[in-house]
């Protein structure tokens, strides 16, 4: 019985330790067009801390270090998103003139709506 307890303790310790240091987090991306807005979704495995910096016509999403965002899912952009690319320390979104942003978490996902 004692050996089993030690095994369970070791398993718990390994689970709590999480991923090894330096491990990458891969993040998928999806896009879509909806009435009144376009959307880009970042599919995280767990809800990340993030922030959005906006200036005229451009928004930069800042995610935790170590994330690898796979932008291949953003080949077909919503009508009001002119471009998306990796930028130093984040992901840059170029907005159509007059578009506005709304962003939120939906479980582990980060969704960015580009409002017409």
N, C-alpha and C. Protein backbone atom coordinates (compact mmCIF):
# COMPACT_ATOMS: atom_id res chain seq x y z
N UNK A 1 0.82 -1.19 0.00
CA UNK A 1 0.00 0.00 0.00
C UNK A 1 0.86 1.25 0.00
N UNK A 2 1.96 1.20 0.75
CA UNK A 2 2.84 2.36 0.82
C UNK A 2 3.46 2.67 -0.54
N UNK A 3 3.87 1.68 -1.29
CA UNK A 3 4.47 1.87 -2.62
C UNK A 3 3.47 2.55 -3.54
N UNK A 4 2.22 2.14 -3.44
CA UNK A 4 1.19 2.76 -4.28
C UNK A 4 1.04 4.23 -3.94
N UNK A 5 1.08 4.59 -2.66
CA UNK A 5 0.99 5.98 -2.23
C UNK A 5 2.15 6.81 -2.75
N UNK A 6 3.35 6.23 -2.75
CA UNK A 6 4.51 6.94 -3.28
C UNK A 6 4.36 7.15 -4.78
N UNK A 7 3.83 6.14 -5.49
CA UNK A 7 3.61 6.27 -6.93
C UNK A 7 2.61 7.36 -7.25
N UNK A 8 1.54 7.42 -6.49
CA UNK A 8 0.54 8.47 -6.71
C UNK A 8 1.10 9.85 -6.40
N UNK A 9 1.92 9.92 -5.34
CA UNK A 9 2.55 11.20 -5.00
C UNK A 9 3.48 11.67 -6.10
N UNK A 10 4.26 10.74 -6.65
CA UNK A 10 5.17 11.09 -7.75
C UNK A 10 4.38 11.54 -8.98
N UNK A 11 3.29 10.85 -9.30
CA UNK A 11 2.46 11.23 -10.43
C UNK A 11 1.89 12.64 -10.22
N UNK A 12 1.41 12.92 -9.03
CA UNK A 12 0.87 14.25 -8.73
C UNK A 12 1.94 15.32 -8.88
N UNK A 13 3.14 15.04 -8.39
CA UNK A 13 4.24 15.99 -8.50
C UNK A 13 4.56 16.27 -9.97
N UNK A 14 4.59 15.23 -10.80
CA UNK A 14 4.87 15.42 -12.22
C UNK A 14 3.79 16.24 -12.91
N UNK A 15 2.54 15.99 -12.56
CA UNK A 15 1.44 16.76 -13.15
C UNK A 15 1.50 18.23 -12.75
N UNK A 16 1.85 18.49 -11.49
CA UNK A 16 1.93 19.87 -11.02
C UNK A 16 3.12 20.61 -11.61
N UNK A 17 4.16 19.87 -11.97
CA UNK A 17 5.35 20.50 -12.54
C UNK A 17 5.06 21.11 -13.90
N UNK A 18 4.08 20.57 -14.62
CA UNK A 18 3.70 21.11 -15.92
C UNK A 18 4.72 20.83 -16.99
N UNK A 19 4.71 21.65 -18.03
CA UNK A 19 5.61 21.48 -19.17
C UNK A 19 7.02 21.88 -18.78
N UNK A 20 8.01 21.27 -19.40
CA UNK A 20 9.38 21.65 -19.10
C UNK A 20 9.66 23.09 -19.48
N UNK A 21 10.62 23.71 -18.79
CA UNK A 21 10.99 25.09 -19.09
C UNK A 21 11.41 25.21 -20.54
N UNK A 22 11.02 26.26 -21.20
CA UNK A 22 11.39 26.48 -22.59
C UNK A 22 10.47 25.80 -23.59
N UNK A 23 9.46 25.06 -23.10
CA UNK A 23 8.54 24.39 -24.02
C UNK A 23 7.69 25.44 -24.73
N UNK A 24 7.42 25.18 -26.00
CA UNK A 24 6.60 26.10 -26.78
C UNK A 24 5.12 25.78 -26.61
N UNK A 25 4.30 26.80 -26.69
CA UNK A 25 2.86 26.64 -26.73
C UNK A 25 2.42 26.93 -28.15
N UNK A 26 1.84 25.96 -28.83
CA UNK A 26 1.37 26.15 -30.21
C UNK A 26 -0.08 26.63 -30.17
N UNK A 27 -0.35 27.67 -30.94
CA UNK A 27 -1.67 28.29 -30.95
C UNK A 27 -2.19 28.33 -32.38
N UNK A 28 -3.34 27.71 -32.61
CA UNK A 28 -3.98 27.74 -33.92
C UNK A 28 -4.79 29.02 -34.09
N UNK A 29 -5.09 29.35 -35.33
CA UNK A 29 -5.86 30.56 -35.65
C UNK A 29 -6.97 30.20 -36.63
N UNK A 30 -8.15 30.79 -36.40
CA UNK A 30 -9.28 30.65 -37.33
C UNK A 30 -9.84 32.03 -37.61
N UNK A 31 -10.45 32.20 -38.76
CA UNK A 31 -11.09 33.47 -39.11
C UNK A 31 -12.49 33.21 -39.63
N UNK A 32 -13.30 34.26 -39.62
CA UNK A 32 -14.65 34.14 -40.17
C UNK A 32 -15.27 35.50 -40.42
N UNK A 33 -16.22 35.50 -41.33
CA UNK A 33 -17.02 36.70 -41.63
C UNK A 33 -18.42 36.49 -41.07
N UNK A 34 -18.93 37.49 -40.40
CA UNK A 34 -20.27 37.44 -39.81
C UNK A 34 -20.98 38.75 -40.14
N UNK A 35 -22.31 38.79 -40.09
CA UNK A 35 -23.01 40.05 -40.35
C UNK A 35 -22.57 41.13 -39.36
N UNK A 36 -21.98 42.20 -39.87
CA UNK A 36 -21.57 43.33 -39.04
C UNK A 36 -20.16 43.26 -38.48
N UNK A 37 -19.49 42.11 -38.62
CA UNK A 37 -18.13 42.01 -38.10
C UNK A 37 -17.39 40.82 -38.70
N UNK A 38 -16.06 40.92 -38.68
CA UNK A 38 -15.19 39.80 -38.98
C UNK A 38 -14.61 39.31 -37.67
N UNK A 39 -14.08 38.10 -37.65
CA UNK A 39 -13.55 37.56 -36.39
C UNK A 39 -12.28 36.77 -36.67
N UNK A 40 -11.32 36.91 -35.76
CA UNK A 40 -10.14 36.07 -35.75
C UNK A 40 -10.05 35.47 -34.35
N UNK A 41 -9.86 34.15 -34.29
CA UNK A 41 -9.84 33.42 -33.02
C UNK A 41 -8.49 32.75 -32.85
N UNK A 42 -7.90 32.91 -31.68
CA UNK A 42 -6.64 32.27 -31.32
C UNK A 42 -6.99 31.12 -30.38
N UNK A 43 -6.76 29.89 -30.84
CA UNK A 43 -7.16 28.67 -30.12
C UNK A 43 -6.07 28.20 -29.16
N UNK A 44 -6.12 28.70 -27.95
CA UNK A 44 -5.17 28.30 -26.90
C UNK A 44 -5.67 27.04 -26.22
N UNK A 45 -4.76 26.28 -25.62
CA UNK A 45 -5.15 25.11 -24.83
C UNK A 45 -5.65 25.55 -23.45
N UNK A 46 -5.12 26.65 -22.93
CA UNK A 46 -5.55 27.22 -21.65
C UNK A 46 -5.59 28.73 -21.82
N UNK A 47 -6.51 29.37 -21.12
CA UNK A 47 -6.69 30.83 -21.28
C UNK A 47 -5.39 31.57 -20.95
N UNK A 48 -4.88 32.36 -21.90
CA UNK A 48 -3.64 33.10 -21.66
C UNK A 48 -3.91 34.50 -21.11
N UNK A 49 -2.91 35.08 -20.51
CA UNK A 49 -2.94 36.51 -20.26
C UNK A 49 -2.63 37.15 -21.61
N UNK A 50 -3.27 38.24 -21.91
CA UNK A 50 -2.99 38.94 -23.16
C UNK A 50 -3.36 40.39 -23.00
N UNK A 51 -2.86 41.21 -23.91
CA UNK A 51 -3.29 42.61 -23.94
C UNK A 51 -3.32 43.05 -25.40
N UNK A 52 -4.07 44.10 -25.65
CA UNK A 52 -4.21 44.64 -27.01
C UNK A 52 -3.78 46.09 -26.98
N UNK A 53 -2.91 46.44 -27.91
CA UNK A 53 -2.48 47.82 -28.09
C UNK A 53 -3.05 48.30 -29.42
N UNK A 54 -3.77 49.39 -29.38
CA UNK A 54 -4.40 49.92 -30.59
C UNK A 54 -3.86 51.29 -30.94
N UNK A 55 -3.69 51.50 -32.24
CA UNK A 55 -3.43 52.83 -32.78
C UNK A 55 -4.15 52.87 -34.11
N UNK A 56 -4.21 53.99 -34.72
CA UNK A 56 -4.99 54.20 -35.94
C UNK A 56 -4.75 53.09 -36.97
N UNK A 57 -5.76 52.24 -37.17
CA UNK A 57 -5.71 51.23 -38.22
C UNK A 57 -4.90 49.98 -37.91
N UNK A 58 -4.30 49.91 -36.71
CA UNK A 58 -3.46 48.76 -36.36
C UNK A 58 -3.72 48.36 -34.91
N UNK A 59 -3.76 47.06 -34.67
CA UNK A 59 -3.84 46.54 -33.31
C UNK A 59 -2.76 45.47 -33.17
N UNK A 60 -2.12 45.45 -32.02
CA UNK A 60 -1.13 44.41 -31.74
C UNK A 60 -1.59 43.65 -30.52
N UNK A 61 -1.70 42.33 -30.67
CA UNK A 61 -2.04 41.45 -29.57
C UNK A 61 -0.75 40.95 -28.96
N UNK A 62 -0.62 41.13 -27.66
CA UNK A 62 0.56 40.68 -26.94
C UNK A 62 0.17 39.45 -26.12
N UNK A 63 0.81 38.32 -26.43
CA UNK A 63 0.57 37.07 -25.74
C UNK A 63 1.80 36.71 -24.91
N UNK A 64 1.68 35.70 -24.03
CA UNK A 64 2.84 35.31 -23.21
C UNK A 64 4.01 34.84 -24.07
N UNK A 65 5.22 35.06 -23.59
CA UNK A 65 6.40 34.59 -24.31
C UNK A 65 6.37 33.07 -24.46
N UNK A 66 6.96 32.58 -25.54
CA UNK A 66 7.02 31.14 -25.78
C UNK A 66 5.88 30.61 -26.62
N UNK A 67 4.91 31.45 -26.95
CA UNK A 67 3.80 31.00 -27.79
C UNK A 67 4.22 31.04 -29.26
N UNK A 68 3.86 30.01 -29.98
CA UNK A 68 4.09 29.96 -31.42
C UNK A 68 2.71 29.99 -32.07
N UNK A 69 2.37 31.12 -32.67
CA UNK A 69 1.05 31.29 -33.28
C UNK A 69 1.14 30.87 -34.74
N UNK A 70 0.32 29.88 -35.11
CA UNK A 70 0.29 29.35 -36.47
C UNK A 70 -0.70 30.16 -37.29
N UNK A 71 -0.18 31.10 -38.07
CA UNK A 71 -1.04 32.00 -38.85
C UNK A 71 -1.55 31.38 -40.15
N UNK A 72 -1.24 30.12 -40.40
CA UNK A 72 -1.71 29.50 -41.64
C UNK A 72 -3.24 29.45 -41.71
N UNK A 73 -3.90 29.45 -40.56
CA UNK A 73 -5.36 29.47 -40.54
C UNK A 73 -5.95 30.83 -40.85
N UNK A 74 -5.10 31.83 -41.04
CA UNK A 74 -5.56 33.19 -41.33
C UNK A 74 -5.29 33.56 -42.78
N UNK A 75 -5.24 32.58 -43.65
CA UNK A 75 -5.02 32.89 -45.07
C UNK A 75 -6.22 33.60 -45.69
N UNK A 76 -7.40 33.23 -45.26
CA UNK A 76 -8.63 33.86 -45.78
C UNK A 76 -9.14 34.83 -44.72
N UNK A 77 -8.82 36.10 -44.91
CA UNK A 77 -9.14 37.11 -43.90
C UNK A 77 -10.58 37.60 -44.02
N UNK A 78 -11.17 38.00 -42.90
CA UNK A 78 -12.48 38.66 -42.95
C UNK A 78 -12.37 39.94 -43.78
N UNK A 79 -13.48 40.40 -44.29
CA UNK A 79 -13.50 41.55 -45.21
C UNK A 79 -12.92 42.83 -44.61
N UNK A 80 -12.99 42.98 -43.29
CA UNK A 80 -12.53 44.23 -42.67
C UNK A 80 -11.19 44.08 -41.96
N UNK A 81 -10.49 43.00 -42.23
CA UNK A 81 -9.14 42.79 -41.73
C UNK A 81 -8.21 42.74 -42.94
N UNK A 82 -7.36 43.75 -43.06
CA UNK A 82 -6.52 43.88 -44.26
C UNK A 82 -5.26 43.02 -44.20
N UNK A 83 -4.81 42.69 -43.00
CA UNK A 83 -3.61 41.88 -42.89
C UNK A 83 -3.38 41.43 -41.47
N UNK A 84 -2.67 40.31 -41.35
CA UNK A 84 -2.27 39.79 -40.05
C UNK A 84 -0.87 39.22 -40.21
N UNK A 85 0.00 39.56 -39.26
CA UNK A 85 1.38 39.07 -39.35
C UNK A 85 2.00 39.06 -37.97
N UNK A 86 3.08 38.29 -37.86
CA UNK A 86 3.85 38.32 -36.62
C UNK A 86 4.57 39.66 -36.55
N UNK A 87 4.56 40.24 -35.38
CA UNK A 87 5.28 41.48 -35.13
C UNK A 87 6.14 41.22 -33.90
N UNK A 88 7.11 42.04 -33.67
CA UNK A 88 7.97 41.84 -32.52
C UNK A 88 7.13 41.81 -31.24
N UNK A 89 7.13 40.67 -30.59
CA UNK A 89 6.41 40.54 -29.33
C UNK A 89 4.91 40.36 -29.45
N UNK A 90 4.40 40.07 -30.64
CA UNK A 90 2.96 39.90 -30.77
C UNK A 90 2.49 39.61 -32.17
N UNK A 91 1.20 39.77 -32.36
CA UNK A 91 0.55 39.58 -33.66
C UNK A 91 -0.08 40.91 -34.04
N UNK A 92 0.24 41.39 -35.24
CA UNK A 92 -0.28 42.66 -35.73
C UNK A 92 -1.47 42.43 -36.64
N UNK A 93 -2.54 43.17 -36.38
CA UNK A 93 -3.74 43.16 -37.21
C UNK A 93 -3.87 44.52 -37.87
N UNK A 94 -3.98 44.54 -39.20
CA UNK A 94 -4.23 45.79 -39.93
C UNK A 94 -5.71 45.84 -40.26
N UNK A 95 -6.37 46.89 -39.79
CA UNK A 95 -7.82 47.02 -39.91
C UNK A 95 -8.20 47.86 -41.12
N UNK A 96 -9.36 47.57 -41.68
CA UNK A 96 -9.92 48.40 -42.74
C UNK A 96 -10.27 49.76 -42.14
N UNK A 97 -10.24 50.82 -42.95
CA UNK A 97 -10.59 52.15 -42.45
C UNK A 97 -11.97 52.15 -41.78
N UNK A 98 -12.04 52.74 -40.60
CA UNK A 98 -13.30 52.85 -39.85
C UNK A 98 -13.64 51.64 -39.00
N UNK A 99 -12.90 50.54 -39.13
CA UNK A 99 -13.19 49.34 -38.32
C UNK A 99 -12.77 49.57 -36.88
N UNK A 100 -13.49 48.91 -35.96
CA UNK A 100 -13.18 48.99 -34.53
C UNK A 100 -13.02 47.57 -33.98
N UNK A 101 -12.31 47.45 -32.87
CA UNK A 101 -12.07 46.14 -32.26
C UNK A 101 -12.93 45.89 -31.04
N UNK A 102 -13.25 44.64 -30.86
CA UNK A 102 -13.83 44.12 -29.61
C UNK A 102 -13.11 42.80 -29.37
N UNK A 103 -12.57 42.60 -28.19
CA UNK A 103 -11.85 41.36 -27.92
C UNK A 103 -12.31 40.78 -26.60
N UNK A 104 -12.23 39.44 -26.50
CA UNK A 104 -12.69 38.76 -25.30
C UNK A 104 -12.15 37.33 -25.28
N UNK A 105 -12.24 36.72 -24.11
CA UNK A 105 -11.92 35.30 -23.96
C UNK A 105 -13.21 34.51 -24.03
N UNK A 106 -13.13 33.35 -24.64
CA UNK A 106 -14.24 32.39 -24.63
C UNK A 106 -13.61 31.07 -24.21
N UNK A 107 -13.63 30.79 -22.91
CA UNK A 107 -12.90 29.65 -22.38
C UNK A 107 -11.41 29.91 -22.62
N UNK A 108 -10.70 28.95 -23.23
CA UNK A 108 -9.27 29.15 -23.47
C UNK A 108 -8.96 29.95 -24.75
N UNK A 109 -9.97 30.30 -25.49
CA UNK A 109 -9.76 31.00 -26.76
C UNK A 109 -9.78 32.51 -26.56
N UNK A 110 -9.03 33.20 -27.42
CA UNK A 110 -9.07 34.67 -27.45
C UNK A 110 -9.69 35.03 -28.80
N UNK A 111 -10.81 35.74 -28.76
CA UNK A 111 -11.50 36.15 -29.98
C UNK A 111 -11.38 37.66 -30.16
N UNK A 112 -11.13 38.05 -31.39
CA UNK A 112 -11.06 39.47 -31.73
C UNK A 112 -12.07 39.71 -32.83
N UNK A 113 -13.05 40.55 -32.55
CA UNK A 113 -14.04 40.94 -33.55
C UNK A 113 -13.61 42.26 -34.15
N UNK A 114 -13.70 42.35 -35.44
CA UNK A 114 -13.41 43.59 -36.17
C UNK A 114 -14.77 44.09 -36.64
N UNK A 115 -15.25 45.11 -35.97
CA UNK A 115 -16.61 45.64 -36.24
C UNK A 115 -16.59 46.55 -37.45
N UNK A 116 -17.60 46.40 -38.33
CA UNK A 116 -17.71 47.26 -39.51
C UNK A 116 -17.90 48.71 -39.11
